[in-house]
Each structure stands twice: as structure tokens, then as C-alpha cells.
PDB file of all heavy atoms in Angstrom:
ATOM      1  N   VAL A   1     190.823 123.709 119.623  1.00  0.00           N
ATOM      2  CA  VAL A   1     191.126 124.145 118.264  1.00  0.00           C
ATOM      3  C   VAL A   1     191.950 123.127 117.557  1.00  0.00           C
ATOM      4  O   VAL A   1     191.685 122.757 116.407  1.00  0.00           O
ATOM      5  CB  VAL A   1     191.843 125.491 118.290  1.00  0.00           C
ATOM      6  CG1 VAL A   1     192.450 125.960 116.923  1.00  0.00           C
ATOM      7  CG2 VAL A   1     190.923 126.535 118.913  1.00  0.00           C
ATOM      8  N   GLU A   2     192.984 122.623 118.201  1.00  0.00           N
ATOM      9  CA  GLU A   2     193.926 121.590 117.569  1.00  0.00           C
ATOM     10  C   GLU A   2     193.067 120.351 117.256  1.00  0.00           C
ATOM     11  O   GLU A   2     193.273 119.767 116.142  1.00  0.00           O
ATOM     12  CB  GLU A   2     195.066 121.342 118.629  1.00  0.00           C
ATOM     13  CG  GLU A   2     196.084 120.412 117.943  1.00  0.00           C
ATOM     14  CD  GLU A   2     197.340 120.243 118.900  1.00  0.00           C
ATOM     15  OE1 GLU A   2     197.858 121.281 119.420  1.00  0.00           O
ATOM     16  OE2 GLU A   2     197.776 119.139 119.146  1.00  0.00           O
ATOM     17  N   GLU A   3     192.250 119.905 118.186  1.00  0.00           N
ATOM     18  CA  GLU A   3     191.346 118.722 117.968  1.00  0.00           C
ATOM     19  C   GLU A   3     190.479 118.896 116.717  1.00  0.00           C
ATOM     20  O   GLU A   3     190.263 117.997 116.009  1.00  0.00           O
ATOM     21  CB  GLU A   3     190.528 118.537 119.205  1.00  0.00           C
ATOM     22  CG  GLU A   3     189.551 117.395 119.186  1.00  0.00           C
ATOM     23  CD  GLU A   3     188.692 117.398 120.387  1.00  0.00           C
ATOM     24  OE1 GLU A   3     189.176 117.541 121.573  1.00  0.00           O
ATOM     25  OE2 GLU A   3     187.451 117.311 120.298  1.00  0.00           O
ATOM     26  N   LEU A   4     190.059 120.160 116.425  1.00  0.00           N
ATOM     27  CA  LEU A   4     189.176 120.444 115.347  1.00  0.00           C
ATOM     28  C   LEU A   4     190.016 120.635 113.992  1.00  0.00           C
ATOM     29  O   LEU A   4     189.456 120.927 113.007  1.00  0.00           O
ATOM     30  CB  LEU A   4     188.259 121.606 115.592  1.00  0.00           C
ATOM     31  CG  LEU A   4     187.224 121.316 116.616  1.00  0.00           C
ATOM     32  CD1 LEU A   4     186.525 122.585 117.074  1.00  0.00           C
ATOM     33  CD2 LEU A   4     186.159 120.332 116.091  1.00  0.00           C
ATOM     34  N   GLY A   5     191.389 120.638 114.063  1.00  0.00           N
ATOM     35  CA  GLY A   5     192.193 120.719 112.933  1.00  0.00           C
ATOM     36  C   GLY A   5     192.574 122.127 112.516  1.00  0.00           C
ATOM     37  O   GLY A   5     193.070 122.396 111.436  1.00  0.00           O
ATOM     38  N   GLY A   6     192.357 123.092 113.414  1.00  0.00           N
ATOM     39  CA  GLY A   6     192.762 124.429 113.312  1.00  0.00           C
ATOM     40  C   GLY A   6     194.001 124.749 114.020  1.00  0.00           C
ATOM     41  O   GLY A   6     194.604 123.880 114.704  1.00  0.00           O
ATOM     42  N   LYS A   7     194.524 126.013 113.925  1.00  0.00           N
ATOM     43  CA  LYS A   7     195.742 126.381 114.654  1.00  0.00           C
ATOM     44  C   LYS A   7     195.592 127.862 114.968  1.00  0.00           C
ATOM     45  O   LYS A   7     195.330 128.655 114.153  1.00  0.00           O
ATOM     46  CB  LYS A   7     196.989 126.132 113.762  1.00  0.00           C
ATOM     47  CG  LYS A   7     198.256 126.439 114.416  1.00  0.00           C
ATOM     48  CD  LYS A   7     199.372 126.072 113.464  1.00  0.00           C
ATOM     49  CE  LYS A   7     200.761 126.432 114.024  1.00  0.00           C
ATOM     50  NZ  LYS A   7     201.955 126.139 113.137  1.00  0.00           N
ATOM     51  N   ILE A   8     195.949 128.208 116.243  1.00  0.00           N
ATOM     52  CA  ILE A   8     196.001 129.594 116.690  1.00  0.00           C
ATOM     53  C   ILE A   8     197.443 130.037 116.440  1.00  0.00           C
ATOM     54  O   ILE A   8     198.365 129.471 116.951  1.00  0.00           O
ATOM     55  CB  ILE A   8     195.589 129.708 118.133  1.00  0.00           C
ATOM     56  CG1 ILE A   8     194.111 129.332 118.351  1.00  0.00           C
ATOM     57  CG2 ILE A   8     195.851 131.153 118.714  1.00  0.00           C
ATOM     58  CD1 ILE A   8     193.667 129.271 119.770  1.00  0.00           C
ATOM     59  N   LEU A   9     197.597 131.074 115.583  1.00  0.00           N
ATOM     60  CA  LEU A   9     198.979 131.564 115.313  1.00  0.00           C
ATOM     61  C   LEU A   9     199.387 132.547 116.356  1.00  0.00           C
ATOM     62  O   LEU A   9     200.590 132.588 116.645  1.00  0.00           O
ATOM     63  CB  LEU A   9     198.930 132.193 113.913  1.00  0.00           C
ATOM     64  CG  LEU A   9     198.563 131.256 112.718  1.00  0.00           C
ATOM     65  CD1 LEU A   9     198.541 131.946 111.421  1.00  0.00           C
ATOM     66  CD2 LEU A   9     199.507 129.977 112.801  1.00  0.00           C
ATOM     67  N   ASN A  10     198.515 133.321 116.835  1.00  0.00           N
ATOM     68  CA  ASN A  10     198.851 134.387 117.905  1.00  0.00           C
ATOM     69  C   ASN A  10     197.578 134.942 118.484  1.00  0.00           C
ATOM     70  O   ASN A  10     196.547 134.813 117.849  1.00  0.00           O
ATOM     71  CB  ASN A  10     199.874 135.448 117.456  1.00  0.00           C
ATOM     72  CG  ASN A  10     199.279 136.279 116.324  1.00  0.00           C
ATOM     73  OD1 ASN A  10     198.106 136.472 116.146  1.00  0.00           O
ATOM     74  ND2 ASN A  10     200.121 136.636 115.411  1.00  0.00           N
ATOM     75  N   GLY A  11     197.700 135.588 119.672  1.00  0.00           N
ATOM     76  CA  GLY A  11     196.516 136.098 120.239  1.00  0.00           C
ATOM     77  C   GLY A  11     196.821 137.240 121.250  1.00  0.00           C
ATOM     78  O   GLY A  11     197.999 137.369 121.651  1.00  0.00           O
ATOM     79  N   LEU A  12     195.918 138.059 121.390  1.00  0.00           N
ATOM     80  CA  LEU A  12     196.089 139.246 122.356  1.00  0.00           C
ATOM     81  C   LEU A  12     194.860 139.306 123.311  1.00  0.00           C
ATOM     82  O   LEU A  12     193.713 139.291 122.776  1.00  0.00           O
ATOM     83  CB  LEU A  12     196.197 140.502 121.511  1.00  0.00           C
ATOM     84  CG  LEU A  12     197.221 140.644 120.538  1.00  0.00           C
ATOM     85  CD1 LEU A  12     197.080 141.797 119.630  1.00  0.00           C
ATOM     86  CD2 LEU A  12     198.628 140.744 121.199  1.00  0.00           C
ATOM     87  N   ALA A  13     195.103 139.478 124.565  1.00  0.00           N
ATOM     88  CA  ALA A  13     194.064 139.725 125.551  1.00  0.00           C
ATOM     89  C   ALA A  13     194.171 141.222 125.809  1.00  0.00           C
ATOM     90  O   ALA A  13     195.260 141.754 126.141  1.00  0.00           O
ATOM     91  CB  ALA A  13     194.175 138.913 126.731  1.00  0.00           C
ATOM     92  N   LEU A  14     193.071 141.955 125.726  1.00  0.00           N
ATOM     93  CA  LEU A  14     193.120 143.407 125.926  1.00  0.00           C
ATOM     94  C   LEU A  14     192.730 143.836 127.381  1.00  0.00           C
ATOM     95  O   LEU A  14     191.938 143.185 128.009  1.00  0.00           O
ATOM     96  CB  LEU A  14     192.266 144.062 124.922  1.00  0.00           C
ATOM     97  CG  LEU A  14     192.439 143.718 123.492  1.00  0.00           C
ATOM     98  CD1 LEU A  14     191.412 144.454 122.612  1.00  0.00           C
ATOM     99  CD2 LEU A  14     193.862 144.180 123.080  1.00  0.00           C
ATOM    100  N   GLN A  15     193.289 144.951 127.802  1.00  0.00           N
ATOM    101  CA  GLN A  15     192.891 145.518 129.136  1.00  0.00           C
ATOM    102  C   GLN A  15     191.438 146.054 128.944  1.00  0.00           C
ATOM    103  O   GLN A  15     191.039 146.173 127.800  1.00  0.00           O
ATOM    104  CB  GLN A  15     193.868 146.676 129.475  1.00  0.00           C
ATOM    105  CG  GLN A  15     195.262 146.238 129.808  1.00  0.00           C
ATOM    106  CD  GLN A  15     195.370 145.460 131.078  1.00  0.00           C
ATOM    107  OE1 GLN A  15     194.501 145.627 132.030  1.00  0.00           O
ATOM    108  NE2 GLN A  15     196.340 144.699 131.218  1.00  0.00           N
ATOM    109  N   PRO A  16     190.778 146.369 130.082  1.00  0.00           N
ATOM    110  CA  PRO A  16     189.394 146.881 129.968  1.00  0.00           C
ATOM    111  C   PRO A  16     189.240 148.036 129.008  1.00  0.00           C
ATOM    112  O   PRO A  16     190.153 148.889 128.819  1.00  0.00           O
ATOM    113  CB  PRO A  16     189.009 147.227 131.423  1.00  0.00           C
ATOM    114  CG  PRO A  16     189.917 146.371 132.256  1.00  0.00           C
ATOM    115  CD  PRO A  16     191.230 146.217 131.406  1.00  0.00           C
ATOM    116  N   ALA A  17     188.097 148.225 128.457  1.00  0.00           N
ATOM    117  CA  ALA A  17     187.789 149.281 127.488  1.00  0.00           C
ATOM    118  C   ALA A  17     188.000 150.620 128.076  1.00  0.00           C
ATOM    119  O   ALA A  17     188.370 151.569 127.426  1.00  0.00           O
ATOM    120  CB  ALA A  17     186.347 149.188 127.014  1.00  0.00           C
ATOM    121  N   GLY A  18     187.882 150.826 129.381  1.00  0.00           N
ATOM    122  CA  GLY A  18     188.069 152.091 130.073  1.00  0.00           C
ATOM    123  C   GLY A  18     189.471 152.564 129.980  1.00  0.00           C
ATOM    124  O   GLY A  18     189.764 153.738 130.237  1.00  0.00           O
ATOM    125  N   THR A  19     190.429 151.715 129.679  1.00  0.00           N
ATOM    126  CA  THR A  19     191.767 152.092 129.529  1.00  0.00           C
ATOM    127  C   THR A  19     192.200 152.600 128.167  1.00  0.00           C
ATOM    128  O   THR A  19     193.266 153.068 127.943  1.00  0.00           O
ATOM    129  CB  THR A  19     192.780 150.858 129.955  1.00  0.00           C
ATOM    130  OG1 THR A  19     192.576 149.889 128.931  1.00  0.00           O
ATOM    131  CG2 THR A  19     192.430 150.342 131.339  1.00  0.00           C
ATOM    132  N   ALA A  20     191.268 152.388 127.204  1.00  0.00           N
ATOM    133  CA  ALA A  20     191.534 152.813 125.815  1.00  0.00           C
ATOM    134  C   ALA A  20     191.584 154.340 125.636  1.00  0.00           C
ATOM    135  O   ALA A  20     190.975 155.079 126.371  1.00  0.00           O
ATOM    136  CB  ALA A  20     190.456 152.272 124.937  1.00  0.00           C
ATOM    137  N   LYS A  21     192.311 154.718 124.647  1.00  0.00           N
ATOM    138  CA  LYS A  21     192.362 156.122 124.114  1.00  0.00           C
ATOM    139  C   LYS A  21     192.049 156.098 122.612  1.00  0.00           C
ATOM    140  O   LYS A  21     192.407 155.146 121.947  1.00  0.00           O
ATOM    141  CB  LYS A  21     193.753 156.772 124.275  1.00  0.00           C
ATOM    142  CG  LYS A  21     194.319 156.838 125.747  1.00  0.00           C
ATOM    143  CD  LYS A  21     193.568 157.873 126.551  1.00  0.00           C
ATOM    144  CE  LYS A  21     194.214 157.920 127.901  1.00  0.00           C
ATOM    145  NZ  LYS A  21     193.512 158.856 128.754  1.00  0.00           N
ATOM    146  N   THR A  22     191.326 157.066 122.089  1.00  0.00           N
ATOM    147  CA  THR A  22     190.933 157.113 120.732  1.00  0.00           C
ATOM    148  C   THR A  22     191.444 158.449 120.104  1.00  0.00           C
ATOM    149  O   THR A  22     191.382 159.498 120.705  1.00  0.00           O
ATOM    150  CB  THR A  22     189.416 157.059 120.633  1.00  0.00           C
ATOM    151  OG1 THR A  22     188.873 155.938 121.369  1.00  0.00           O
ATOM    152  CG2 THR A  22     188.962 157.002 119.225  1.00  0.00           C
ATOM    153  N   VAL A  23     191.893 158.206 118.877  1.00  0.00           N
ATOM    154  CA  VAL A  23     192.337 159.464 118.133  1.00  0.00           C
ATOM    155  C   VAL A  23     191.409 159.535 116.952  1.00  0.00           C
ATOM    156  O   VAL A  23     191.234 158.664 116.055  1.00  0.00           O
ATOM    157  CB  VAL A  23     193.797 159.351 117.617  1.00  0.00           C
ATOM    158  CG1 VAL A  23     194.195 160.541 116.803  1.00  0.00           C
ATOM    159  CG2 VAL A  23     194.721 159.041 118.829  1.00  0.00           C
ATOM    160  N   ARG A  24     190.748 160.804 116.787  1.00  0.00           N
ATOM    161  CA  ARG A  24     189.825 160.990 115.727  1.00  0.00           C
ATOM    162  C   ARG A  24     190.163 162.422 115.186  1.00  0.00           C
ATOM    163  O   ARG A  24     190.089 163.344 115.983  1.00  0.00           O
ATOM    164  CB  ARG A  24     188.398 160.903 116.094  1.00  0.00           C
ATOM    165  CG  ARG A  24     187.938 159.564 116.464  1.00  0.00           C
ATOM    166  CD  ARG A  24     186.435 159.614 116.862  1.00  0.00           C
ATOM    167  NE  ARG A  24     186.002 158.425 117.632  1.00  0.00           N
ATOM    168  CZ  ARG A  24     184.884 157.848 117.481  1.00  0.00           C
ATOM    169  NH1 ARG A  24     183.932 158.285 116.808  1.00  0.00           N
ATOM    170  NH2 ARG A  24     184.623 156.725 118.149  1.00  0.00           N
ATOM    171  N   ALA A  25     190.469 162.510 113.935  1.00  0.00           N
ATOM    172  CA  ALA A  25     190.844 163.843 113.351  1.00  0.00           C
ATOM    173  C   ALA A  25     191.828 164.514 114.119  1.00  0.00           C
ATOM    174  O   ALA A  25     191.776 165.772 114.346  1.00  0.00           O
ATOM    175  CB  ALA A  25     189.515 164.663 113.212  1.00  0.00           C
ATOM    176  N   GLY A  26     192.790 163.829 114.722  1.00  0.00           N
ATOM    177  CA  GLY A  26     193.900 164.396 115.487  1.00  0.00           C
ATOM    178  C   GLY A  26     193.637 164.723 116.907  1.00  0.00           C
ATOM    179  O   GLY A  26     194.467 165.104 117.652  1.00  0.00           O
ATOM    180  N   ALA A  27     192.373 164.579 117.355  1.00  0.00           N
ATOM    181  CA  ALA A  27     191.944 164.789 118.786  1.00  0.00           C
ATOM    182  C   ALA A  27     191.988 163.502 119.510  1.00  0.00           C
ATOM    183  O   ALA A  27     191.490 162.518 119.030  1.00  0.00           O
ATOM    184  CB  ALA A  27     190.544 165.490 118.789  1.00  0.00           C
ATOM    185  N   VAL A  28     192.449 163.640 120.754  1.00  0.00           N
ATOM    186  CA  VAL A  28     192.531 162.418 121.622  1.00  0.00           C
ATOM    187  C   VAL A  28     191.442 162.439 122.612  1.00  0.00           C
ATOM    188  O   VAL A  28     191.132 163.416 123.113  1.00  0.00           O
ATOM    189  CB  VAL A  28     193.940 162.321 122.307  1.00  0.00           C
ATOM    190  CG1 VAL A  28     193.993 161.120 123.271  1.00  0.00           C
ATOM    191  CG2 VAL A  28     195.109 162.279 121.280  1.00  0.00           C
ATOM    192  N   ALA A  29     190.726 161.256 122.759  1.00  0.00           N
ATOM    193  CA  ALA A  29     189.670 161.194 123.700  1.00  0.00           C
ATOM    194  C   ALA A  29     189.864 159.927 124.537  1.00  0.00           C
ATOM    195  O   ALA A  29     190.469 158.928 124.067  1.00  0.00           O
ATOM    196  CB  ALA A  29     188.336 161.106 122.953  1.00  0.00           C
ATOM    197  N   ASP A  30     189.282 159.892 125.709  1.00  0.00           N
ATOM    198  CA  ASP A  30     189.312 158.741 126.535  1.00  0.00           C
ATOM    199  C   ASP A  30     188.194 157.764 126.106  1.00  0.00           C
ATOM    200  O   ASP A  30     187.119 158.175 125.696  1.00  0.00           O
ATOM    201  CB  ASP A  30     189.038 159.063 128.048  1.00  0.00           C
ATOM    202  CG  ASP A  30     190.156 159.879 128.672  1.00  0.00           C
ATOM    203  OD1 ASP A  30     191.324 159.691 128.161  1.00  0.00           O
ATOM    204  OD2 ASP A  30     189.920 160.614 129.632  1.00  0.00           O
ATOM    205  N   GLY A  31     188.532 156.486 126.216  1.00  0.00           N
ATOM    206  CA  GLY A  31     187.573 155.402 125.941  1.00  0.00           C
ATOM    207  C   GLY A  31     187.797 154.757 124.610  1.00  0.00           C
ATOM    208  O   GLY A  31     188.557 155.208 123.796  1.00  0.00           O
ATOM    209  N   PRO A  32     186.954 153.684 124.293  1.00  0.00           N
ATOM    210  CA  PRO A  32     187.217 152.958 123.135  1.00  0.00           C
ATOM    211  C   PRO A  32     186.544 153.670 121.947  1.00  0.00           C
ATOM    212  O   PRO A  32     185.706 154.615 122.101  1.00  0.00           O
ATOM    213  CB  PRO A  32     186.414 151.621 123.396  1.00  0.00           C
ATOM    214  CG  PRO A  32     185.285 152.075 124.429  1.00  0.00           C
ATOM    215  CD  PRO A  32     185.996 153.183 125.230  1.00  0.00           C
TER     216      PRO A  32
END
């Protein structure tokens, strides 16, 4: 990235999708 003239300002690596929780209309569900 630096060689190409760009810059990474920050980054996040996420845990597997199976660890996600979703909130829709106030209801919580397992998964992405």
C-alpha cells in the first residue's frame, strides 16, 4: 500500500461470522 502511494489509517479483523449477533426491530438473533 505504501509503495503504491496509499496509506492504511486503521483496520479491523473480525471473528468468524458464527460469533455475530444481529438486532432487527428490537429482536436479537444469532448470526450475521
